[in-house]
């Protein structure tokens, strides 16, 4: 499994390619930019909206992300826990 790099303020960074593969495993196929944005944005727990990247992304941003699989991005603590559990929804 991919390693997350921990920053001093408690944030973690992961490679985009790993995150896209995790999404693909959760939804059962390679995601379109719109599907990836929905997956990354779509989590509500105890009335709180949780986004994988700490804020919502658009399908246009997801499309740009797909072209940069080696890029490290900051992942929210809730998002990191979601990825490790393998439960994207």
PDB file of N, CA and C in Angstrom:
ATOM      1  N   UNK A   1       0.838  -1.181   0.000  1.00  0.00           N
ATOM      2  CA  UNK A   1       0.000   0.000   0.000  1.00  0.00           C
ATOM      3  C   UNK A   1       0.880   1.242   0.000  1.00  0.00           C
ATOM      4  N   UNK A   2       0.388   2.313  -0.548  1.00  0.00           N
ATOM      5  CA  UNK A   2       1.163   3.549  -0.644  1.00  0.00           C
ATOM      6  C   UNK A   2       1.397   4.162   0.730  1.00  0.00           C
ATOM      7  N   UNK A   3       2.532   4.815   0.839  1.00  0.00           N
ATOM      8  CA  UNK A   3       2.845   5.499   2.082  1.00  0.00           C
ATOM      9  C   UNK A   3       2.401   6.942   1.999  1.00  0.00           C
ATOM     10  N   UNK A   4       1.925   7.468   3.080  1.00  0.00           N
ATOM     11  CA  UNK A   4       1.587   8.887   3.147  1.00  0.00           C
ATOM     12  C   UNK A   4       2.731   9.587   3.852  1.00  0.00           C
ATOM     13  N   UNK A   5       3.124  10.725   3.345  1.00  0.00           N
ATOM     14  CA  UNK A   5       4.169  11.510   3.993  1.00  0.00           C
ATOM     15  C   UNK A   5       3.498  12.465   4.966  1.00  0.00           C
ATOM     16  N   UNK A   6       3.901  12.388   6.221  1.00  0.00           N
ATOM     17  CA  UNK A   6       3.298  13.248   7.236  1.00  0.00           C
ATOM     18  C   UNK A   6       4.045  14.559   7.327  1.00  0.00           C
ATOM     19  N   UNK A   7       3.308  15.638   7.379  1.00  0.00           N
ATOM     20  CA  UNK A   7       3.865  16.961   7.539  1.00  0.00           C
ATOM     21  C   UNK A   7       3.820  17.338   9.010  1.00  0.00           C
ATOM     22  N   UNK A   8       4.538  18.372   9.388  1.00  0.00           N
ATOM     23  CA  UNK A   8       4.613  18.761  10.791  1.00  0.00           C
ATOM     24  C   UNK A   8       3.274  19.201  11.362  1.00  0.00           C
ATOM     25  N   UNK A   9       2.363  19.726  10.555  1.00  0.00           N
ATOM     26  CA  UNK A   9       1.082  20.201  11.074  1.00  0.00           C
ATOM     27  C   UNK A   9      -0.001  19.129  11.062  1.00  0.00           C
ATOM     28  N   UNK A  10       0.380  17.863  10.869  1.00  0.00           N
ATOM     29  CA  UNK A  10      -0.581  16.785  10.927  1.00  0.00           C
ATOM     30  C   UNK A  10      -1.221  16.426   9.590  1.00  0.00           C
ATOM     31  N   UNK A  11      -0.929  17.200   8.541  1.00  0.00           N
ATOM     32  CA  UNK A  11      -1.469  16.871   7.232  1.00  0.00           C
ATOM     33  C   UNK A  11      -0.649  15.757   6.609  1.00  0.00           C
ATOM     34  N   UNK A  12      -1.215  15.064   5.666  1.00  0.00           N
ATOM     35  CA  UNK A  12      -0.516  14.007   4.952  1.00  0.00           C
ATOM     36  C   UNK A  12      -0.542  14.309   3.471  1.00  0.00           C
ATOM     37  N   UNK A  13       0.496  13.846   2.777  1.00  0.00           N
ATOM     38  CA  UNK A  13       0.556  13.999   1.327  1.00  0.00           C
ATOM     39  C   UNK A  13       0.621  12.616   0.707  1.00  0.00           C
ATOM     40  N   UNK A  14      -0.094  12.466  -0.411  1.00  0.00           N
ATOM     41  CA  UNK A  14      -0.117  11.206  -1.144  1.00  0.00           C
ATOM     42  C   UNK A  14       0.002  11.511  -2.628  1.00  0.00           C
ATOM     43  N   UNK A  15       0.453  10.510  -3.380  1.00  0.00           N
ATOM     44  CA  UNK A  15       0.534  10.666  -4.832  1.00  0.00           C
ATOM     45  C   UNK A  15      -0.857  10.546  -5.441  1.00  0.00           C
ATOM     46  N   UNK A  16      -1.143  11.437  -6.386  1.00  0.00           N
ATOM     47  CA  UNK A  16      -2.452  11.437  -7.041  1.00  0.00           C
ATOM     48  C   UNK A  16      -2.776  10.106  -7.705  1.00  0.00           C
ATOM     49  N   UNK A  17      -1.777   9.478  -8.305  1.00  0.00           N
ATOM     50  CA  UNK A  17      -2.017   8.203  -8.979  1.00  0.00           C
ATOM     51  C   UNK A  17      -2.587   7.152  -8.044  1.00  0.00           C
ATOM     52  N   UNK A  18      -2.087   7.112  -6.802  1.00  0.00           N
ATOM     53  CA  UNK A  18      -2.611   6.164  -5.822  1.00  0.00           C
ATOM     54  C   UNK A  18      -4.061   6.484  -5.493  1.00  0.00           C
ATOM     55  N   UNK A  19      -4.365   7.752  -5.336  1.00  0.00           N
ATOM     56  CA  UNK A  19      -5.725   8.158  -4.987  1.00  0.00           C
ATOM     57  C   UNK A  19      -6.699   7.801  -6.116  1.00  0.00           C
ATOM     58  N   UNK A  20      -6.286   8.024  -7.351  1.00  0.00           N
ATOM     59  CA  UNK A  20      -7.153   7.677  -8.497  1.00  0.00           C
ATOM     60  C   UNK A  20      -7.367   6.164  -8.547  1.00  0.00           C
ATOM     61  N   UNK A  21      -6.318   5.380  -8.282  1.00  0.00           N
ATOM     62  CA  UNK A  21      -6.479   3.912  -8.266  1.00  0.00           C
ATOM     63  C   UNK A  21      -7.411   3.477  -7.141  1.00  0.00           C
ATOM     64  N   UNK A  22      -7.352   4.137  -5.998  1.00  0.00           N
ATOM     65  CA  UNK A  22      -8.250   3.812  -4.879  1.00  0.00           C
ATOM     66  C   UNK A  22      -9.689   4.104  -5.278  1.00  0.00           C
ATOM     67  N   UNK A  23      -9.906   5.217  -5.955  1.00  0.00           N
ATOM     68  CA  UNK A  23     -11.240   5.554  -6.441  1.00  0.00           C
ATOM     69  C   UNK A  23     -11.723   4.484  -7.412  1.00  0.00           C
ATOM     70  N   UNK A  24     -10.853   4.077  -8.345  1.00  0.00           N
ATOM     71  CA  UNK A  24     -11.224   3.057  -9.330  1.00  0.00           C
ATOM     72  C   UNK A  24     -11.625   1.760  -8.639  1.00  0.00           C
ATOM     73  N   UNK A  25     -10.893   1.383  -7.596  1.00  0.00           N
ATOM     74  CA  UNK A  25     -11.236   0.163  -6.861  1.00  0.00           C
ATOM     75  C   UNK A  25     -12.599   0.310  -6.178  1.00  0.00           C
ATOM     76  N   UNK A  26     -12.871   1.483  -5.639  1.00  0.00           N
ATOM     77  CA  UNK A  26     -14.139   1.703  -4.935  1.00  0.00           C
ATOM     78  C   UNK A  26     -15.344   1.717  -5.868  1.00  0.00           C
ATOM     79  N   UNK A  27     -15.186   2.310  -7.062  1.00  0.00           N
ATOM     80  CA  UNK A  27     -16.352   2.412  -7.951  1.00  0.00           C
ATOM     81  C   UNK A  27     -16.397   1.302  -8.998  1.00  0.00           C
ATOM     82  N   UNK A  28     -15.319   0.533  -9.122  1.00  0.00           N
ATOM     83  CA  UNK A  28     -15.337  -0.630 -10.000  1.00  0.00           C
ATOM     84  C   UNK A  28     -14.837  -0.413 -11.422  1.00  0.00           C
ATOM     85  N   UNK A  29     -14.376   0.792 -11.725  1.00  0.00           N
ATOM     86  CA  UNK A  29     -13.814   1.077 -13.047  1.00  0.00           C
ATOM     87  C   UNK A  29     -13.000   2.369 -12.975  1.00  0.00           C
ATOM     88  N   UNK A  30     -12.216   2.613 -14.020  1.00  0.00           N
ATOM     89  CA  UNK A  30     -11.442   3.858 -14.072  1.00  0.00           C
ATOM     90  C   UNK A  30     -12.417   5.031 -14.100  1.00  0.00           C
ATOM     91  N   UNK A  31     -12.242   5.976 -13.174  1.00  0.00           N
ATOM     92  CA  UNK A  31     -13.218   7.073 -13.087  1.00  0.00           C
ATOM     93  C   UNK A  31     -13.032   8.121 -14.178  1.00  0.00           C
ATOM     94  N   UNK A  32     -14.144   8.718 -14.553  1.00  0.00           N
ATOM     95  CA  UNK A  32     -14.096   9.922 -15.391  1.00  0.00           C
ATOM     96  C   UNK A  32     -13.764  11.076 -14.433  1.00  0.00           C
ATOM     97  N   UNK A  33     -13.371  12.231 -14.954  1.00  0.00           N
ATOM     98  CA  UNK A  33     -13.138  13.365 -14.057  1.00  0.00           C
ATOM     99  C   UNK A  33     -14.358  13.699 -13.187  1.00  0.00           C
ATOM    100  N   UNK A  34     -15.563  13.611 -13.753  1.00  0.00           N
ATOM    101  CA  UNK A  34     -16.775  13.906 -12.972  1.00  0.00           C
ATOM    102  C   UNK A  34     -16.976  12.874 -11.858  1.00  0.00           C
ATOM    103  N   UNK A  35     -16.744  11.592 -12.176  1.00  0.00           N
ATOM    104  CA  UNK A  35     -16.881  10.548 -11.150  1.00  0.00           C
ATOM    105  C   UNK A  35     -15.845  10.719 -10.043  1.00  0.00           C
ATOM    106  N   UNK A  36     -14.621  11.071 -10.430  1.00  0.00           N
ATOM    107  CA  UNK A  36     -13.569  11.265  -9.432  1.00  0.00           C
ATOM    108  C   UNK A  36     -13.909  12.443  -8.516  1.00  0.00           C
ATOM    109  N   UNK A  37     -14.380  13.538  -9.100  1.00  0.00           N
ATOM    110  CA  UNK A  37     -14.757  14.702  -8.283  1.00  0.00           C
ATOM    111  C   UNK A  37     -15.877  14.345  -7.311  1.00  0.00           C
ATOM    112  N   UNK A  38     -16.873  13.619  -7.792  1.00  0.00           N
ATOM    113  CA  UNK A  38     -17.979  13.200  -6.927  1.00  0.00           C
ATOM    114  C   UNK A  38     -17.469  12.312  -5.800  1.00  0.00           C
ATOM    115  N   UNK A  39     -16.596  11.357  -6.125  1.00  0.00           N
ATOM    116  CA  UNK A  39     -16.027  10.441  -5.124  1.00  0.00           C
ATOM    117  C   UNK A  39     -15.199  11.214  -4.103  1.00  0.00           C
ATOM    118  N   UNK A  40     -14.367  12.143  -4.564  1.00  0.00           N
ATOM    119  CA  UNK A  40     -13.497  12.906  -3.656  1.00  0.00           C
ATOM    120  C   UNK A  40     -14.294  13.868  -2.781  1.00  0.00           C
ATOM    121  N   UNK A  41     -15.382  14.382  -3.300  1.00  0.00           N
ATOM    122  CA  UNK A  41     -16.179  15.374  -2.572  1.00  0.00           C
ATOM    123  C   UNK A  41     -17.268  14.760  -1.715  1.00  0.00           C
ATOM    124  N   UNK A  42     -17.676  13.554  -2.027  1.00  0.00           N
ATOM    125  CA  UNK A  42     -18.921  13.033  -1.499  1.00  0.00           C
ATOM    126  C   UNK A  42     -18.870  12.226  -0.240  1.00  0.00           C
ATOM    127  N   UNK A  43     -18.798  12.862   0.873  1.00  0.00           N
ATOM    128  CA  UNK A  43     -18.890  12.139   2.141  1.00  0.00           C
ATOM    129  C   UNK A  43     -19.520  13.043   3.182  1.00  0.00           C
ATOM    130  N   UNK A  44     -20.562  12.581   3.814  1.00  0.00           N
ATOM    131  CA  UNK A  44     -21.192  13.328   4.899  1.00  0.00           C
ATOM    132  C   UNK A  44     -21.197  12.424   6.116  1.00  0.00           C
ATOM    133  N   UNK A  45     -20.658  12.928   7.214  1.00  0.00           N
ATOM    134  CA  UNK A  45     -20.643  12.164   8.460  1.00  0.00           C
ATOM    135  C   UNK A  45     -21.088  13.093   9.587  1.00  0.00           C
ATOM    136  N   UNK A  46     -22.094  12.664  10.330  1.00  0.00           N
ATOM    137  CA  UNK A  46     -22.636  13.452  11.439  1.00  0.00           C
ATOM    138  C   UNK A  46     -22.992  14.873  10.998  1.00  0.00           C
ATOM    139  N   UNK A  47     -23.553  14.983   9.788  1.00  0.00           N
ATOM    140  CA  UNK A  47     -23.964  16.275   9.269  1.00  0.00           C
ATOM    141  C   UNK A  47     -22.827  17.135   8.750  1.00  0.00           C
ATOM    142  N   UNK A  48     -21.603  16.642   8.799  1.00  0.00           N
ATOM    143  CA  UNK A  48     -20.438  17.402   8.352  1.00  0.00           C
ATOM    144  C   UNK A  48     -19.996  16.881   6.991  1.00  0.00           C
ATOM    145  N   UNK A  49     -19.831  17.785   6.029  1.00  0.00           N
ATOM    146  CA  UNK A  49     -19.396  17.427   4.685  1.00  0.00           C
ATOM    147  C   UNK A  49     -17.877  17.259   4.688  1.00  0.00           C
ATOM    148  N   UNK A  50     -17.402  16.063   4.353  1.00  0.00           N
ATOM    149  CA  UNK A  50     -15.969  15.775   4.357  1.00  0.00           C
ATOM    150  C   UNK A  50     -15.469  15.619   2.929  1.00  0.00           C
ATOM    151  N   UNK A  51     -14.463  16.373   2.566  1.00  0.00           N
ATOM    152  CA  UNK A  51     -13.863  16.295   1.241  1.00  0.00           C
ATOM    153  C   UNK A  51     -12.463  15.704   1.369  1.00  0.00           C
ATOM    154  N   UNK A  52     -12.120  14.819   0.456  1.00  0.00           N
ATOM    155  CA  UNK A  52     -10.837  14.145   0.495  1.00  0.00           C
ATOM    156  C   UNK A  52      -9.670  15.120   0.528  1.00  0.00           C
ATOM    157  N   UNK A  53      -9.752  16.182  -0.243  1.00  0.00           N
ATOM    158  CA  UNK A  53      -8.650  17.134  -0.334  1.00  0.00           C
ATOM    159  C   UNK A  53      -8.838  18.347   0.570  1.00  0.00           C
ATOM    160  N   UNK A  54      -9.789  18.298   1.472  1.00  0.00           N
ATOM    161  CA  UNK A  54     -10.030  19.404   2.391  1.00  0.00           C
ATOM    162  C   UNK A  54     -11.003  20.431   1.844  1.00  0.00           C
ATOM    163  N   UNK A  55     -11.233  20.422   0.542  1.00  0.00           N
ATOM    164  CA  UNK A  55     -12.229  21.280  -0.102  1.00  0.00           C
ATOM    165  C   UNK A  55     -12.716  20.564  -1.346  1.00  0.00           C
ATOM    166  N   UNK A  56     -13.856  20.980  -1.854  1.00  0.00           N
ATOM    167  CA  UNK A  56     -14.424  20.339  -3.038  1.00  0.00           C
ATOM    168  C   UNK A  56     -13.561  20.618  -4.262  1.00  0.00           C
ATOM    169  N   UNK A  57     -13.524  19.639  -5.167  1.00  0.00           N
ATOM    170  CA  UNK A  57     -12.863  19.825  -6.455  1.00  0.00           C
ATOM    171  C   UNK A  57     -13.919  19.703  -7.546  1.00  0.00           C
ATOM    172  N   UNK A  58     -13.668  20.352  -8.668  1.00  0.00           N
ATOM    173  CA  UNK A  58     -14.578  20.287  -9.811  1.00  0.00           C
ATOM    174  C   UNK A  58     -14.098  19.205 -10.778  1.00  0.00           C
ATOM    175  N   UNK A  59     -14.961  18.781 -11.701  1.00  0.00           N
ATOM    176  CA  UNK A  59     -14.509  17.849 -12.735  1.00  0.00           C
ATOM    177  C   UNK A  59     -13.340  18.418 -13.553  1.00  0.00           C
ATOM    178  N   UNK A  60     -13.310  19.736 -13.774  1.00  0.00           N
ATOM    179  CA  UNK A  60     -12.207  20.350 -14.521  1.00  0.00           C
ATOM    180  C   UNK A  60     -10.891  20.201 -13.760  1.00  0.00           C
ATOM    181  N   UNK A  61     -10.929  20.393 -12.441  1.00  0.00           N
ATOM    182  CA  UNK A  61      -9.729  20.208 -11.613  1.00  0.00           C
ATOM    183  C   UNK A  61      -9.332  18.742 -11.612  1.00  0.00           C
ATOM    184  N   UNK A  62     -10.298  17.846 -11.542  1.00  0.00           N
ATOM    185  CA  UNK A  62      -9.999  16.407 -11.567  1.00  0.00           C
ATOM    186  C   UNK A  62      -9.305  16.034 -12.871  1.00  0.00           C
ATOM    187  N   UNK A  63      -9.741  16.618 -13.976  1.00  0.00           N
ATOM    188  CA  UNK A  63      -9.107  16.337 -15.265  1.00  0.00           C
ATOM    189  C   UNK A  63      -7.642  16.750 -15.250  1.00  0.00           C
ATOM    190  N   UNK A  64      -7.341  17.896 -14.675  1.00  0.00           N
ATOM    191  CA  UNK A  64      -5.950  18.344 -14.550  1.00  0.00           C
ATOM    192  C   UNK A  64      -5.171  17.384 -13.638  1.00  0.00           C
ATOM    193  N   UNK A  65      -5.796  16.950 -12.560  1.00  0.00           N
ATOM    194  CA  UNK A  65      -5.143  16.025 -11.631  1.00  0.00           C
ATOM    195  C   UNK A  65      -4.768  14.721 -12.332  1.00  0.00           C
ATOM    196  N   UNK A  66      -5.615  14.247 -13.225  1.00  0.00           N
ATOM    197  CA  UNK A  66      -5.347  12.993 -13.936  1.00  0.00           C
ATOM    198  C   UNK A  66      -4.069  13.075 -14.763  1.00  0.00           C
ATOM    199  N   UNK A  67      -3.690  14.269 -15.185  1.00  0.00           N
ATOM    200  CA  UNK A  67      -2.481  14.423 -15.998  1.00  0.00           C
ATOM    201  C   UNK A  67      -1.211  14.512 -15.151  1.00  0.00           C
ATOM    202  N   UNK A  68      -1.358  14.462 -13.821  1.00  0.00           N
ATOM    203  CA  UNK A  68      -0.223  14.607 -12.915  1.00  0.00           C
ATOM    204  C   UNK A  68      -0.190  13.484 -11.875  1.00  0.00           C
ATOM    205  N   UNK A  69      -0.152  12.203 -12.285  1.00  0.00           N
ATOM    206  CA  UNK A  69      -0.262  11.102 -11.318  1.00  0.00           C
ATOM    207  C   UNK A  69       0.859  11.038 -10.287  1.00  0.00           C
ATOM    208  N   UNK A  70       2.028  11.599 -10.586  1.00  0.00           N
ATOM    209  CA  UNK A  70       3.136  11.562  -9.641  1.00  0.00           C
ATOM    210  C   UNK A  70       3.149  12.712  -8.659  1.00  0.00           C
ATOM    211  N   UNK A  71       2.216  13.623  -8.783  1.00  0.00           N
ATOM    212  CA  UNK A  71       2.187  14.805  -7.918  1.00  0.00           C
ATOM    213  C   UNK A  71       1.703  14.438  -6.515  1.00  0.00           C
ATOM    214  N   UNK A  72       2.384  14.992  -5.510  1.00  0.00           N
ATOM    215  CA  UNK A  72       1.946  14.817  -4.127  1.00  0.00           C
ATOM    216  C   UNK A  72       0.907  15.879  -3.801  1.00  0.00           C
ATOM    217  N   UNK A  73      -0.181  15.456  -3.187  1.00  0.00           N
ATOM    218  CA  UNK A  73      -1.247  16.374  -2.786  1.00  0.00           C
ATOM    219  C   UNK A  73      -1.566  16.171  -1.312  1.00  0.00           C
ATOM    220  N   UNK A  74      -2.053  17.208  -0.686  1.00  0.00           N
ATOM    221  CA  UNK A  74      -2.451  17.133   0.717  1.00  0.00           C
ATOM    222  C   UNK A  74      -3.806  16.458   0.810  1.00  0.00           C
ATOM    223  N   UNK A  75      -3.907  15.519   1.731  1.00  0.00           N
ATOM    224  CA  UNK A  75      -5.144  14.769   1.954  1.00  0.00           C
ATOM    225  C   UNK A  75      -5.604  15.053   3.380  1.00  0.00           C
ATOM    226  N   UNK A  76      -6.891  15.338   3.553  1.00  0.00           N
ATOM    227  CA  UNK A  76      -7.421  15.601   4.892  1.00  0.00           C
ATOM    228  C   UNK A  76      -7.322  14.342   5.755  1.00  0.00           C
ATOM    229  N   UNK A  77      -7.288  14.517   7.058  1.00  0.00           N
ATOM    230  CA  UNK A  77      -7.195  13.379   7.974  1.00  0.00           C
ATOM    231  C   UNK A  77      -8.361  12.410   7.770  1.00  0.00           C
ATOM    232  N   UNK A  78      -9.564  12.954   7.579  1.00  0.00           N
ATOM    233  CA  UNK A  78     -10.732  12.107   7.343  1.00  0.00           C
ATOM    234  C   UNK A  78     -10.603  11.380   6.008  1.00  0.00           C
ATOM    235  N   UNK A  79     -10.080  12.073   5.010  1.00  0.00           N
ATOM    236  CA  UNK A  79      -9.883  11.465   3.707  1.00  0.00           C
ATOM    237  C   UNK A  79      -8.848  10.361   3.742  1.00  0.00           C
ATOM    238  N   UNK A  80      -7.782  10.570   4.499  1.00  0.00           N
ATOM    239  CA  UNK A  80      -6.751   9.549   4.627  1.00  0.00           C
ATOM    240  C   UNK A  80      -7.312   8.302   5.281  1.00  0.00           C
ATOM    241  N   UNK A  81      -8.105   8.471   6.322  1.00  0.00           N
ATOM    242  CA  UNK A  81      -8.730   7.323   6.986  1.00  0.00           C
ATOM    243  C   UNK A  81      -9.649   6.591   6.015  1.00  0.00           C
ATOM    244  N   UNK A  82     -10.354   7.342   5.189  1.00  0.00           N
ATOM    245  CA  UNK A  82     -11.263   6.755   4.204  1.00  0.00           C
ATOM    246  C   UNK A  82     -10.493   5.929   3.178  1.00  0.00           C
ATOM    247  N   UNK A  83      -9.350   6.415   2.730  1.00  0.00           N
ATOM    248  CA  UNK A  83      -8.553   5.687   1.752  1.00  0.00           C
ATOM    249  C   UNK A  83      -8.019   4.385   2.367  1.00  0.00           C
ATOM    250  N   UNK A  84      -7.518   4.432   3.589  1.00  0.00           N
ATOM    251  CA  UNK A  84      -6.959   3.233   4.219  1.00  0.00           C
ATOM    252  C   UNK A  84      -8.048   2.178   4.417  1.00  0.00           C
ATOM    253  N   UNK A  85      -9.270   2.618   4.719  1.00  0.00           N
ATOM    254  CA  UNK A  85     -10.368   1.664   4.894  1.00  0.00           C
ATOM    255  C   UNK A  85     -10.832   1.104   3.562  1.00  0.00           C
ATOM    256  N   UNK A  86     -10.556   1.820   2.492  1.00  0.00           N
ATOM    257  CA  UNK A  86     -11.005   1.353   1.180  1.00  0.00           C
ATOM    258  C   UNK A  86     -12.487   1.510   0.969  1.00  0.00           C
ATOM    259  N   UNK A  87     -13.078   2.476   1.657  1.00  0.00           N
ATOM    260  CA  UNK A  87     -14.511   2.708   1.532  1.00  0.00           C
ATOM    261  C   UNK A  87     -14.720   4.135   1.072  1.00  0.00           C
ATOM    262  N   UNK A  88     -14.873   4.317  -0.221  1.00  0.00           N
ATOM    263  CA  UNK A  88     -14.972   5.658  -0.784  1.00  0.00           C
ATOM    264  C   UNK A  88     -16.308   6.316  -0.649  1.00  0.00           C
ATOM    265  N   UNK A  89     -17.310   5.622  -0.201  1.00  0.00           N
ATOM    266  CA  UNK A  89     -18.645   6.238  -0.131  1.00  0.00           C
ATOM    267  C   UNK A  89     -19.196   6.203   1.247  1.00  0.00           C
TER     268      UNK A  89
END
